[in-house]
């Protein structure tokens, strides 16, 4: 789950990494203001499904001028 905080509206891209290099970016919709929203991103959309060299997941804002602050919450 992710929350855009009091500003909201941020753009965020999520990348799967293979050997610590980002592969296919997955763009999320603009983040909600002061509200939690759940996103489900298939590993196949990140280009890391069924690969032996998957090394992680990263996220970042794709453009200058957008706040990089957001909160992730993972479920176990």
N, C-alpha and C. Protein backbone atom coordinates (compact mmCIF):
# COMPACT_ATOMS: atom_id res chain seq x y z
N UNK A 1 0.85 -1.16 0.00
CA UNK A 1 0.00 0.00 0.00
C UNK A 1 0.90 1.23 0.00
N UNK A 2 0.37 2.30 -0.54
CA UNK A 2 1.16 3.53 -0.65
C UNK A 2 0.26 4.73 -0.39
N UNK A 3 0.86 5.76 0.20
CA UNK A 3 0.12 6.96 0.56
C UNK A 3 0.91 8.16 0.06
N UNK A 4 0.29 9.05 -0.68
CA UNK A 4 0.97 10.22 -1.22
C UNK A 4 1.17 11.34 -0.22
N UNK A 5 0.70 11.17 1.02
CA UNK A 5 0.88 12.19 2.04
C UNK A 5 0.01 13.41 1.78
N UNK A 6 0.33 14.51 2.45
CA UNK A 6 -0.50 15.70 2.35
C UNK A 6 -0.43 16.36 0.98
N UNK A 7 0.65 16.16 0.24
CA UNK A 7 0.78 16.75 -1.10
C UNK A 7 0.02 15.92 -2.13
N UNK A 8 0.24 14.61 -2.12
CA UNK A 8 -0.39 13.73 -3.10
C UNK A 8 -0.02 14.10 -4.53
N UNK A 9 -0.51 13.33 -5.47
CA UNK A 9 -0.32 13.62 -6.88
C UNK A 9 1.04 13.26 -7.44
N UNK A 10 1.93 12.68 -6.63
CA UNK A 10 3.25 12.33 -7.13
C UNK A 10 3.15 11.23 -8.19
N UNK A 11 4.09 11.25 -9.09
CA UNK A 11 4.22 10.16 -10.06
C UNK A 11 5.33 9.25 -9.55
N UNK A 12 5.14 7.97 -9.73
CA UNK A 12 6.12 7.02 -9.24
C UNK A 12 6.25 5.89 -10.24
N UNK A 13 7.48 5.49 -10.50
CA UNK A 13 7.74 4.32 -11.33
C UNK A 13 8.41 3.26 -10.48
N UNK A 14 8.05 2.02 -10.73
CA UNK A 14 8.62 0.88 -10.02
C UNK A 14 9.38 0.05 -11.04
N UNK A 15 10.57 -0.39 -10.65
CA UNK A 15 11.43 -1.19 -11.53
C UNK A 15 11.79 -2.48 -10.83
N UNK A 16 11.79 -3.57 -11.57
CA UNK A 16 12.43 -4.78 -11.09
C UNK A 16 13.89 -4.66 -11.48
N UNK A 17 14.77 -5.28 -10.72
CA UNK A 17 16.19 -5.24 -11.08
C UNK A 17 16.72 -6.63 -11.33
N UNK A 18 17.58 -6.69 -12.30
CA UNK A 18 18.29 -7.93 -12.64
C UNK A 18 19.76 -7.61 -12.57
N UNK A 19 20.47 -8.34 -11.72
CA UNK A 19 21.89 -8.07 -11.46
C UNK A 19 22.10 -6.60 -11.11
N UNK A 20 21.18 -6.08 -10.28
CA UNK A 20 21.22 -4.71 -9.76
C UNK A 20 21.06 -3.62 -10.81
N UNK A 21 20.56 -3.95 -11.98
CA UNK A 21 20.26 -2.95 -13.01
C UNK A 21 18.75 -2.95 -13.24
N UNK A 22 18.16 -1.75 -13.31
CA UNK A 22 16.73 -1.64 -13.53
C UNK A 22 16.34 -2.12 -14.91
N UNK A 23 15.21 -2.78 -15.00
CA UNK A 23 14.66 -3.19 -16.29
C UNK A 23 13.35 -2.44 -16.51
N UNK A 24 12.39 -3.03 -17.10
CA UNK A 24 11.15 -2.38 -17.51
C UNK A 24 10.49 -1.56 -16.39
N UNK A 25 10.30 -0.23 -16.58
CA UNK A 25 9.60 0.56 -15.56
C UNK A 25 8.09 0.33 -15.63
N UNK A 26 7.45 0.40 -14.48
CA UNK A 26 6.00 0.27 -14.38
C UNK A 26 5.51 1.55 -13.71
N UNK A 27 4.73 2.34 -14.42
CA UNK A 27 4.24 3.61 -13.90
C UNK A 27 2.95 3.42 -13.12
N UNK A 28 2.93 3.90 -11.89
CA UNK A 28 1.72 3.89 -11.08
C UNK A 28 0.89 5.13 -11.41
N UNK A 29 -0.42 5.08 -11.17
CA UNK A 29 -1.22 6.30 -11.30
C UNK A 29 -0.74 7.31 -10.25
N UNK A 30 -1.10 8.57 -10.42
CA UNK A 30 -0.70 9.58 -9.43
C UNK A 30 -1.13 9.13 -8.03
N UNK A 31 -0.27 9.38 -7.05
CA UNK A 31 -0.52 8.90 -5.70
C UNK A 31 -1.65 9.69 -5.04
N UNK A 32 -2.46 9.01 -4.24
CA UNK A 32 -3.59 9.67 -3.60
C UNK A 32 -3.13 10.59 -2.46
N UNK A 33 -3.88 11.66 -2.24
CA UNK A 33 -3.60 12.59 -1.15
C UNK A 33 -4.19 12.05 0.15
N UNK A 34 -3.33 11.94 1.17
CA UNK A 34 -3.76 11.50 2.51
C UNK A 34 -4.65 10.27 2.49
N UNK A 35 -4.32 9.33 1.65
CA UNK A 35 -5.14 8.13 1.54
C UNK A 35 -4.25 6.96 1.12
N UNK A 36 -4.50 5.82 1.72
CA UNK A 36 -3.77 4.62 1.36
C UNK A 36 -4.43 3.96 0.16
N UNK A 37 -3.62 3.49 -0.77
CA UNK A 37 -4.13 2.76 -1.93
C UNK A 37 -3.24 1.55 -2.17
N UNK A 38 -3.87 0.44 -2.45
CA UNK A 38 -3.12 -0.78 -2.72
C UNK A 38 -2.91 -0.93 -4.22
N UNK A 39 -1.69 -1.27 -4.60
CA UNK A 39 -1.35 -1.56 -5.98
C UNK A 39 -0.78 -2.97 -6.04
N UNK A 40 -1.20 -3.72 -7.02
CA UNK A 40 -0.64 -5.04 -7.26
C UNK A 40 0.11 -4.97 -8.58
N UNK A 41 1.39 -5.27 -8.54
CA UNK A 41 2.23 -5.19 -9.74
C UNK A 41 2.79 -6.58 -10.01
N UNK A 42 2.35 -7.22 -11.09
CA UNK A 42 2.89 -8.54 -11.40
C UNK A 42 4.39 -8.47 -11.73
N UNK A 43 5.15 -9.44 -11.28
CA UNK A 43 6.58 -9.46 -11.60
C UNK A 43 6.82 -9.47 -13.10
N UNK A 44 5.89 -10.05 -13.86
CA UNK A 44 6.04 -10.06 -15.32
C UNK A 44 5.98 -8.64 -15.88
N UNK A 45 5.24 -7.74 -15.24
CA UNK A 45 5.19 -6.34 -15.69
C UNK A 45 6.49 -5.61 -15.43
N UNK A 46 7.28 -6.13 -14.50
CA UNK A 46 8.58 -5.54 -14.17
C UNK A 46 9.72 -6.22 -14.91
N UNK A 47 9.40 -7.23 -15.72
CA UNK A 47 10.42 -7.93 -16.48
C UNK A 47 11.29 -8.86 -15.66
N UNK A 48 10.79 -9.29 -14.50
CA UNK A 48 11.62 -10.13 -13.64
C UNK A 48 10.96 -11.45 -13.23
N UNK A 49 9.89 -11.82 -13.91
CA UNK A 49 9.23 -13.09 -13.58
C UNK A 49 10.06 -14.24 -14.14
N UNK A 50 10.23 -15.25 -13.33
CA UNK A 50 10.91 -16.48 -13.76
C UNK A 50 12.31 -16.25 -14.29
N UNK A 51 13.06 -15.35 -13.66
CA UNK A 51 14.46 -15.13 -14.05
C UNK A 51 15.35 -15.49 -12.87
N UNK A 52 16.50 -16.00 -13.15
CA UNK A 52 17.42 -16.40 -12.10
C UNK A 52 18.27 -15.26 -11.56
N UNK A 53 18.30 -14.13 -12.24
CA UNK A 53 19.15 -13.03 -11.80
C UNK A 53 18.36 -11.84 -11.25
N UNK A 54 17.13 -12.09 -10.77
CA UNK A 54 16.32 -11.05 -10.13
C UNK A 54 17.03 -10.61 -8.86
N UNK A 55 17.22 -9.28 -8.70
CA UNK A 55 17.96 -8.81 -7.53
C UNK A 55 17.21 -7.83 -6.65
N UNK A 56 16.02 -7.36 -7.06
CA UNK A 56 15.27 -6.48 -6.18
C UNK A 56 14.24 -5.63 -6.90
N UNK A 57 13.64 -4.72 -6.15
CA UNK A 57 12.64 -3.80 -6.68
C UNK A 57 13.00 -2.41 -6.18
N UNK A 58 12.97 -1.43 -7.07
CA UNK A 58 13.24 -0.05 -6.69
C UNK A 58 12.09 0.83 -7.18
N UNK A 59 11.96 1.99 -6.60
CA UNK A 59 10.95 2.95 -7.05
C UNK A 59 11.57 4.33 -7.05
N UNK A 60 11.09 5.17 -7.95
CA UNK A 60 11.59 6.54 -8.02
C UNK A 60 10.59 7.42 -8.75
N UNK A 61 10.73 8.71 -8.56
CA UNK A 61 9.91 9.65 -9.29
C UNK A 61 10.57 9.83 -10.66
N UNK A 62 9.78 9.84 -11.74
CA UNK A 62 10.37 9.89 -13.07
C UNK A 62 10.77 11.28 -13.56
N UNK A 63 10.35 12.35 -12.88
CA UNK A 63 10.64 13.69 -13.39
C UNK A 63 10.95 14.64 -12.25
N UNK A 64 11.73 15.66 -12.57
CA UNK A 64 12.03 16.70 -11.58
C UNK A 64 10.75 17.48 -11.27
N UNK A 65 10.72 18.07 -10.12
CA UNK A 65 9.57 18.89 -9.75
C UNK A 65 8.50 18.15 -8.97
N UNK A 66 8.64 16.85 -8.84
CA UNK A 66 7.68 16.08 -8.04
C UNK A 66 8.37 15.66 -6.75
N UNK A 67 7.64 15.73 -5.68
CA UNK A 67 8.18 15.35 -4.39
C UNK A 67 8.53 13.86 -4.37
N UNK A 68 9.73 13.52 -3.91
CA UNK A 68 10.10 12.11 -3.84
C UNK A 68 9.58 11.42 -2.60
N UNK A 69 8.80 12.12 -1.76
CA UNK A 69 8.37 11.54 -0.50
C UNK A 69 7.04 10.82 -0.62
N UNK A 70 7.03 9.60 -0.19
CA UNK A 70 5.85 8.76 -0.18
C UNK A 70 6.10 7.67 0.84
N UNK A 71 5.11 6.91 1.17
CA UNK A 71 5.26 5.85 2.16
C UNK A 71 4.76 4.53 1.56
N UNK A 72 5.61 3.52 1.61
CA UNK A 72 5.24 2.16 1.19
C UNK A 72 4.84 1.39 2.43
N UNK A 73 3.89 0.50 2.30
CA UNK A 73 3.56 -0.42 3.37
C UNK A 73 3.40 -1.79 2.73
N UNK A 74 4.16 -2.74 3.16
CA UNK A 74 4.06 -4.08 2.60
C UNK A 74 3.31 -4.99 3.55
N UNK A 75 2.66 -5.98 3.00
CA UNK A 75 1.99 -6.95 3.85
C UNK A 75 2.81 -8.21 3.91
N UNK A 76 2.70 -8.93 4.98
CA UNK A 76 3.47 -10.17 5.11
C UNK A 76 2.59 -11.37 4.98
